[in-house]
Amino acid sequence: MKMKVFCSPTSLSWTHSISPSLHIPHSFSVGENKFRVFCAAAQSQKANQMTVSVTGATGFIGKRLVQRLHADNHNVRVLTRSKSKAELIFPVRDFPGIIIAEESRWKDCIEGSNAVVNLAGMPISTRWSPEIKKEIKHSRIRVTSKVVDLINNSPEGVRPNVLVSATAVGYYGTSETRVFDESSPPGNDYLAEVCREWEGTALKVNKDVRLALIRIGVVLGKDGGALAKMIPIFMMFAGGPLGSGKQWFSWIHLDDIVNLIYEAISNPSYKGVINGTAPNPVRLSEMCEQLGNVMGRPSWLPVPDFALKAVLGEGATVVLDGQRVVPAKAKELGFPFKYPYVKDALRSILS
């Protein structure tokens, strides 16, 4: 027998579609209040459910963001260039309902999404060659341009309401003395140039679409990011500072950057440039000392510049030249950092 259940404010009503002779009461009130609460909760959850398209979903930040969105019962559309890679990372048994789409289907996914999160781009913590530098820039601008075009060309009724687009603290250039917030001007080195063009491309999105540009610092987390590359070098040189140790290290825990992006998706107050860094940047010498303490290793023999350059080439700039960036906008918005201090962040990651 097929039955349909309808939620109403006052009663639970059943209708039957096979046997008209079978007597089923049309309404009853046993447990009525509990059921009312259940219905209200179900309707509220449905109302708060979002559809979010994500580029860069297979990356370090993207993976965790997709996990969080899926755990909260939102509809996730993974926009990828490699469906097979994405299917390995998000197997259907663990992520039922997730849509994985290669570029030819991005248009269909973006249309009807509430939000698009753009995290795509070749990792910068790698050995730079002229070809790699070109790809670091091109990969970011190409995908951002495609996403913006698809949003802008979406019919009004199915156009996303918000674009959250990643950029980086490299926008500010480097300095041992200056403090940078969202109002600071751009630097003039290679990474600053990449970030300027990256942001400029995102700013072409339709003016009716809320745009949040997240300038992300060095993300600390398990199994990826800068920390995964730093630890082996750190272990080889008895845990000393990298380079001079005086350079600033503007970091953020993976959980906090994911929470910040998540908040930017749903909170209309999050718009414009927002620095994705913890409120307490540290000198690299302090970062290494805290890392040594957490790992139970000494922190006395400096890691020479040449060791980092041997591994990362010109890409060592990311670690050897830093900037002191503060999240003025996030603090003003009242964003609750779970890990404001690097000691606690490292302990949570490595313990």
Protein backbone atom coordinates (compact mmCIF):
# COMPACT_ATOMS: atom_id res chain seq x y z
CA MET A 1 0.00 0.00 0.00
CA LYS A 2 1.37 3.43 -0.94
CA MET A 3 0.91 6.18 1.58
CA LYS A 4 1.78 9.85 1.50
CA VAL A 5 2.55 11.86 4.61
CA PHE A 6 1.73 15.55 4.79
CA CYS A 7 2.95 17.96 7.46
CA SER A 8 0.37 20.45 8.65
CA PRO A 9 0.39 22.84 11.60
CA THR A 10 -2.30 20.96 13.45
CA SER A 11 -2.36 17.32 12.51
CA LEU A 12 -0.82 14.42 10.67
CA SER A 13 -2.98 13.39 7.70
CA TRP A 14 -2.58 10.15 5.77
CA THR A 15 -4.14 9.43 2.40
CA HIS A 16 -4.12 6.04 0.71
CA SER A 17 -4.05 5.32 -2.97
CA ILE A 18 -4.72 1.57 -3.30
CA SER A 19 -7.50 0.28 -1.11
CA PRO A 20 -10.43 2.65 -0.59
CA SER A 21 -12.10 0.00 1.58
CA LEU A 22 -9.26 0.04 4.11
CA HIS A 23 -10.20 2.44 6.87
CA ILE A 24 -7.40 4.81 7.85
CA PRO A 25 -8.24 7.76 10.07
CA HIS A 26 -7.88 11.08 8.26
CA SER A 27 -6.29 12.79 11.21
CA PHE A 28 -5.03 12.07 14.67
CA SER A 29 -3.30 13.99 17.39
CA VAL A 30 -1.11 11.47 19.23
CA GLY A 31 2.36 13.01 19.52
CA GLU A 32 1.06 16.02 17.62
CA ASN A 33 3.40 18.52 19.25
CA LYS A 34 6.49 16.41 18.65
CA PHE A 35 5.57 15.93 15.04
CA ARG A 36 4.94 19.64 14.63
CA VAL A 37 8.48 20.31 15.85
CA PHE A 38 9.85 17.65 13.49
CA CYS A 39 8.06 19.18 10.50
CA ALA A 40 9.20 22.69 11.39
CA ALA A 41 12.80 21.49 11.71
CA ALA A 42 12.63 19.68 8.36
CA GLN A 43 11.17 22.73 6.64
CA SER A 44 13.76 25.02 8.25
CA GLN A 45 16.62 22.76 7.14
CA LYS A 46 15.29 22.73 3.58
CA ALA A 47 15.00 26.54 3.62
CA ASN A 48 18.62 26.89 4.76
CA GLN A 49 19.97 24.34 2.29
CA MET A 50 22.30 25.87 -0.30
CA THR A 51 23.62 24.71 -3.64
CA VAL A 52 27.31 25.59 -3.91
CA SER A 53 29.63 25.11 -6.90
CA VAL A 54 33.34 24.84 -6.03
CA THR A 55 36.43 25.10 -8.23
CA GLY A 56 39.71 23.86 -6.75
CA ALA A 57 37.65 21.35 -4.75
CA THR A 58 40.37 18.69 -4.91
CA GLY A 59 42.97 21.02 -3.39
CA PHE A 60 44.08 21.39 0.24
CA ILE A 61 41.39 23.92 1.24
CA GLY A 62 38.77 22.77 -1.27
CA LYS A 63 38.63 19.19 0.03
CA ARG A 64 37.92 20.33 3.57
CA LEU A 65 35.33 22.88 2.40
CA VAL A 66 33.44 20.25 0.38
CA GLN A 67 33.49 17.89 3.38
CA ARG A 68 32.04 20.64 5.58
CA LEU A 69 29.32 21.65 3.10
CA HIS A 70 28.33 18.02 2.53
CA ALA A 71 28.25 17.27 6.28
CA ASP A 72 25.84 20.21 6.70
CA ASN A 73 23.53 18.76 4.01
CA HIS A 74 24.16 21.38 1.35
CA ASN A 75 24.17 20.45 -2.33
CA VAL A 76 27.73 20.52 -3.65
CA ARG A 77 28.81 20.73 -7.28
CA VAL A 78 32.50 20.03 -7.81
CA LEU A 79 33.82 21.89 -10.87
CA THR A 80 36.95 20.07 -11.99
CA ARG A 81 39.26 19.46 -14.93
CA SER A 82 39.76 15.82 -13.89
CA LYS A 83 36.58 13.92 -13.08
CA SER A 84 38.53 10.73 -12.30
CA LYS A 85 40.70 12.51 -9.71
CA ALA A 86 37.67 14.15 -8.09
CA GLU A 87 35.82 10.80 -7.94
CA LEU A 88 38.76 9.28 -6.04
CA ILE A 89 38.70 12.12 -3.51
CA PHE A 90 34.90 12.24 -3.22
CA PRO A 91 33.73 8.62 -3.69
CA VAL A 92 29.98 8.29 -4.11
CA ARG A 93 29.66 5.95 -1.11
CA ASP A 94 31.01 8.70 1.19
CA PHE A 95 29.59 11.71 -0.68
CA PRO A 96 26.17 10.69 -2.02
CA GLY A 97 24.48 13.40 -4.01
CA ILE A 98 27.61 15.38 -4.90
CA ILE A 99 27.78 16.34 -8.57
CA ILE A 100 31.22 16.14 -10.18
CA ALA A 101 31.41 18.09 -13.43
CA GLU A 102 34.15 18.60 -16.00
CA GLU A 103 34.43 21.93 -17.80
CA SER A 104 31.83 21.20 -20.45
CA ARG A 105 29.20 20.95 -17.67
CA TRP A 106 30.30 23.92 -15.52
CA LYS A 107 27.64 26.15 -17.08
CA ASP A 108 24.82 23.79 -16.04
CA CYS A 109 26.21 23.58 -12.50
CA ILE A 110 26.75 27.30 -11.98
CA GLU A 111 23.25 28.11 -13.22
CA GLY A 112 20.98 27.39 -10.27
CA SER A 113 23.73 27.52 -7.65
CA ASN A 114 23.26 29.91 -4.74
CA ALA A 115 27.01 30.47 -4.51
CA VAL A 116 30.25 29.78 -6.34
CA VAL A 117 33.54 29.33 -4.47
CA ASN A 118 36.60 29.78 -6.67
CA LEU A 119 39.73 28.17 -5.20
CA ALA A 120 41.40 26.91 -8.37
CA GLY A 121 45.08 27.53 -9.09
CA MET A 122 48.39 25.72 -9.32
CA PRO A 123 50.08 25.48 -5.87
CA ILE A 124 52.77 28.14 -5.34
CA SER A 125 54.78 26.19 -2.73
CA THR A 126 56.68 24.39 -5.46
CA ARG A 127 59.93 24.88 -7.37
CA TRP A 128 59.44 27.80 -9.75
CA SER A 129 60.71 27.77 -13.32
CA PRO A 130 59.69 30.28 -16.01
CA GLU A 131 57.08 27.75 -17.21
CA ILE A 132 55.76 27.12 -13.69
CA LYS A 133 55.52 30.87 -12.97
CA LYS A 134 53.52 31.32 -16.14
CA GLU A 135 51.20 28.45 -15.14
CA ILE A 136 50.79 29.75 -11.55
CA LYS A 137 49.40 32.97 -13.00
CA HIS A 138 47.54 31.54 -15.98
CA SER A 139 45.77 28.79 -14.00
CA ARG A 140 44.25 31.33 -11.60
CA ILE A 141 43.22 33.91 -14.17
CA ARG A 142 41.89 31.40 -16.71
CA VAL A 143 39.57 29.62 -14.25
CA THR A 144 38.45 32.87 -12.57
CA SER A 145 37.67 34.40 -15.96
CA LYS A 146 35.66 31.34 -17.00
CA VAL A 147 33.70 31.31 -13.73
CA VAL A 148 32.95 35.05 -13.96
CA ASP A 149 31.79 34.72 -17.59
CA LEU A 150 29.51 31.80 -16.72
CA ILE A 151 27.99 33.71 -13.79
CA ASN A 152 27.52 36.87 -15.86
CA ASN A 153 25.89 34.93 -18.72
CA SER A 154 23.49 33.07 -16.41
CA PRO A 155 19.84 34.09 -16.79
CA GLU A 156 18.75 36.33 -13.93
CA GLY A 157 16.51 33.76 -12.24
CA VAL A 158 19.28 31.14 -11.94
CA ARG A 159 22.31 33.38 -11.46
CA PRO A 160 24.30 32.73 -8.24
CA ASN A 161 23.94 35.38 -5.55
CA VAL A 162 27.53 35.28 -4.35
CA LEU A 163 31.04 34.60 -5.60
CA VAL A 164 33.70 33.84 -2.99
CA SER A 165 37.03 34.02 -4.80
CA ALA A 166 40.41 33.18 -3.35
CA THR A 167 43.43 35.42 -3.68
CA ALA A 168 46.53 35.65 -1.47
CA VAL A 169 48.44 37.86 0.97
CA GLY A 170 51.16 37.98 -1.69
CA TYR A 171 49.10 40.93 -2.96
CA TYR A 172 50.86 43.17 -0.42
CA GLY A 173 54.44 42.36 -1.39
CA THR A 174 56.95 41.72 1.40
CA SER A 175 58.24 43.75 4.34
CA GLU A 176 59.84 43.12 7.75
CA THR A 177 58.48 46.37 9.21
CA ARG A 178 55.09 47.27 7.70
CA VAL A 179 51.69 46.01 8.85
CA PHE A 180 49.18 45.27 6.07
CA ASP A 181 45.40 45.28 6.33
CA GLU A 182 42.71 45.19 3.62
CA SER A 183 43.21 48.88 2.79
CA SER A 184 46.97 48.55 2.12
CA PRO A 185 48.22 49.09 -1.44
CA PRO A 186 49.61 46.23 -3.56
CA GLY A 187 53.28 45.31 -3.75
CA ASN A 188 55.31 45.22 -6.95
CA ASP A 189 56.86 41.74 -7.03
CA TYR A 190 55.80 38.66 -9.02
CA LEU A 191 53.23 37.34 -6.52
CA ALA A 192 51.71 40.80 -6.07
CA GLU A 193 51.29 41.01 -9.84
CA VAL A 194 49.59 37.58 -9.91
CA CYS A 195 47.19 38.61 -7.13
CA ARG A 196 46.34 41.97 -8.73
CA GLU A 197 45.37 40.32 -12.01
CA TRP A 198 43.58 37.47 -10.21
CA GLU A 199 41.46 39.90 -8.19
CA GLY A 200 40.92 42.18 -11.18
CA THR A 201 39.41 39.25 -13.08
CA ALA A 202 37.02 38.40 -10.22
CA LEU A 203 35.95 42.06 -9.96
CA LYS A 204 34.40 41.78 -13.45
CA VAL A 205 31.53 39.75 -12.00
CA ASN A 206 28.01 41.18 -12.35
CA LYS A 207 27.45 43.97 -9.82
CA ASP A 208 24.29 42.27 -8.52
CA VAL A 209 26.47 39.33 -7.36
CA ARG A 210 28.01 39.78 -3.91
CA LEU A 211 31.77 39.31 -4.23
CA ALA A 212 34.06 38.30 -1.35
CA LEU A 213 37.78 38.25 -2.13
CA ILE A 214 39.64 36.21 0.49
CA ARG A 215 43.37 37.06 0.63
CA ILE A 216 44.66 33.81 2.11
CA GLY A 217 47.84 33.50 4.18
CA VAL A 218 49.96 30.38 4.74
CA VAL A 219 47.45 27.65 5.57
CA LEU A 220 48.49 25.22 8.32
CA GLY A 221 46.90 21.79 8.39
CA LYS A 222 47.55 18.08 8.26
CA ASP A 223 48.59 16.34 5.07
CA GLY A 224 49.29 19.31 2.85
CA GLY A 225 50.12 22.98 2.43
CA ALA A 226 53.35 24.68 3.44
CA LEU A 227 53.71 22.79 6.73
CA ALA A 228 54.02 19.44 4.97
CA LYS A 229 56.97 20.81 2.97
CA MET A 230 58.56 22.64 5.92
CA ILE A 231 58.63 19.75 8.39
CA PRO A 232 61.13 17.46 6.54
CA ILE A 233 63.54 20.39 6.03
CA PHE A 234 63.01 21.43 9.64
CA MET A 235 63.84 17.89 10.83
CA MET A 236 67.07 17.77 8.79
CA PHE A 237 68.39 20.97 10.36
CA ALA A 238 67.50 20.28 14.00
CA GLY A 239 64.45 22.51 13.90
CA GLY A 240 66.02 25.92 13.48
CA PRO A 241 64.50 29.01 11.85
CA LEU A 242 64.18 29.15 8.07
CA GLY A 243 66.48 31.77 6.61
CA SER A 244 67.01 34.82 8.84
CA GLY A 245 63.97 34.03 11.01
CA LYS A 246 63.09 37.76 11.10
CA GLN A 247 60.59 37.56 8.27
CA TRP A 248 56.89 37.68 9.16
CA PHE A 249 54.72 34.60 8.80
CA SER A 250 51.02 35.36 8.24
CA TRP A 251 49.34 32.03 8.79
CA ILE A 252 45.86 30.57 9.34
CA HIS A 253 44.67 27.15 10.49
CA LEU A 254 42.87 25.09 7.83
CA ASP A 255 39.72 24.91 9.97
CA ASP A 256 39.59 28.71 10.28
CA ILE A 257 40.02 29.42 6.56
CA VAL A 258 37.30 26.88 5.74
CA ASN A 259 35.00 28.45 8.35
CA LEU A 260 35.75 31.94 6.99
CA ILE A 261 34.87 30.89 3.42
CA TYR A 262 31.75 29.11 4.70
CA GLU A 263 30.67 32.27 6.51
CA ALA A 264 31.35 34.38 3.41
CA ILE A 265 29.05 32.12 1.38
CA SER A 266 26.05 32.63 3.65
CA ASN A 267 26.56 35.96 5.43
CA PRO A 268 25.72 39.05 3.32
CA SER A 269 28.00 41.22 5.49
CA TYR A 270 31.03 39.46 4.03
CA LYS A 271 31.88 41.38 0.88
CA GLY A 272 34.91 43.01 -0.71
CA VAL A 273 38.42 42.11 0.40
CA ILE A 274 38.82 40.02 3.56
CA ASN A 275 42.23 38.89 4.79
CA GLY A 276 42.23 35.15 5.47
CA THR A 277 44.91 35.17 8.16
CA ALA A 278 44.98 34.55 11.91
CA PRO A 279 44.91 37.65 14.15
CA ASN A 280 48.43 36.96 15.50
CA PRO A 281 51.07 36.67 12.76
CA VAL A 282 54.52 35.67 14.03
CA ARG A 283 58.14 36.03 13.03
CA LEU A 284 59.33 32.85 11.36
CA SER A 285 61.81 32.26 14.21
CA GLU A 286 58.87 32.07 16.64
CA MET A 287 56.93 29.81 14.29
CA CYS A 288 59.91 27.42 14.17
CA GLU A 289 60.43 27.59 17.93
CA GLN A 290 56.78 26.68 18.53
CA LEU A 291 57.03 23.92 15.93
CA GLY A 292 60.10 22.57 17.72
CA ASN A 293 58.29 22.64 21.07
CA VAL A 294 55.26 20.79 19.70
CA MET A 295 57.44 18.20 17.92
CA GLY A 296 59.75 17.80 20.94
CA ARG A 297 62.82 18.84 18.93
CA PRO A 298 65.44 21.51 19.56
CA SER A 299 65.26 24.76 17.61
CA TRP A 300 68.80 26.06 17.29
CA LEU A 301 70.41 25.28 13.93
CA PRO A 302 69.08 27.69 11.29
CA VAL A 303 67.94 26.21 8.00
CA PRO A 304 70.11 28.03 5.44
CA ASP A 305 68.57 29.86 2.51
CA PHE A 306 70.31 27.53 0.05
CA ALA A 307 68.56 24.46 1.53
CA LEU A 308 65.13 25.96 0.90
CA LYS A 309 66.16 27.24 -2.52
CA ALA A 310 67.44 23.77 -3.41
CA VAL A 311 63.95 22.39 -2.72
CA LEU A 312 61.77 25.29 -3.86
CA GLY A 313 63.99 27.40 -6.11
CA GLU A 314 62.52 30.88 -6.51
CA GLY A 315 59.39 29.50 -4.82
CA ALA A 316 61.33 29.73 -1.53
CA THR A 317 60.34 33.42 -1.64
CA VAL A 318 56.99 32.38 -0.11
CA VAL A 319 58.81 31.37 3.09
CA LEU A 320 62.01 33.47 3.02
CA ASP A 321 60.25 36.79 2.34
CA GLY A 322 57.16 37.44 4.42
CA GLN A 323 54.64 40.10 5.31
CA ARG A 324 52.75 40.98 8.49
CA VAL A 325 49.07 40.80 7.54
CA VAL A 326 46.22 41.37 9.98
CA PRO A 327 42.56 40.33 9.44
CA ALA A 328 41.01 43.72 10.25
CA LYS A 329 37.79 43.02 8.28
CA ALA A 330 37.19 39.56 9.78
CA LYS A 331 37.65 40.96 13.29
CA GLU A 332 35.31 43.85 12.51
CA LEU A 333 32.72 41.32 11.30
CA GLY A 334 33.12 39.36 14.53
CA PHE A 335 34.49 36.21 12.91
CA PRO A 336 35.36 33.73 15.70
CA PHE A 337 38.86 32.38 15.12
CA LYS A 338 39.20 28.87 16.54
CA TYR A 339 43.01 29.11 16.50
CA PRO A 340 44.19 32.72 17.03
CA TYR A 341 47.66 31.62 18.26
CA VAL A 342 50.16 29.56 16.27
CA LYS A 343 51.10 27.43 19.30
CA ASP A 344 47.53 26.14 19.61
CA ALA A 345 47.21 25.68 15.85
CA LEU A 346 50.38 23.57 15.65
CA ARG A 347 49.41 21.53 18.69
CA SER A 348 46.03 20.67 17.14
CA ILE A 349 47.68 19.68 13.86
CA LEU A 350 50.64 17.67 15.15
CA SER A 351 49.46 16.17 18.43
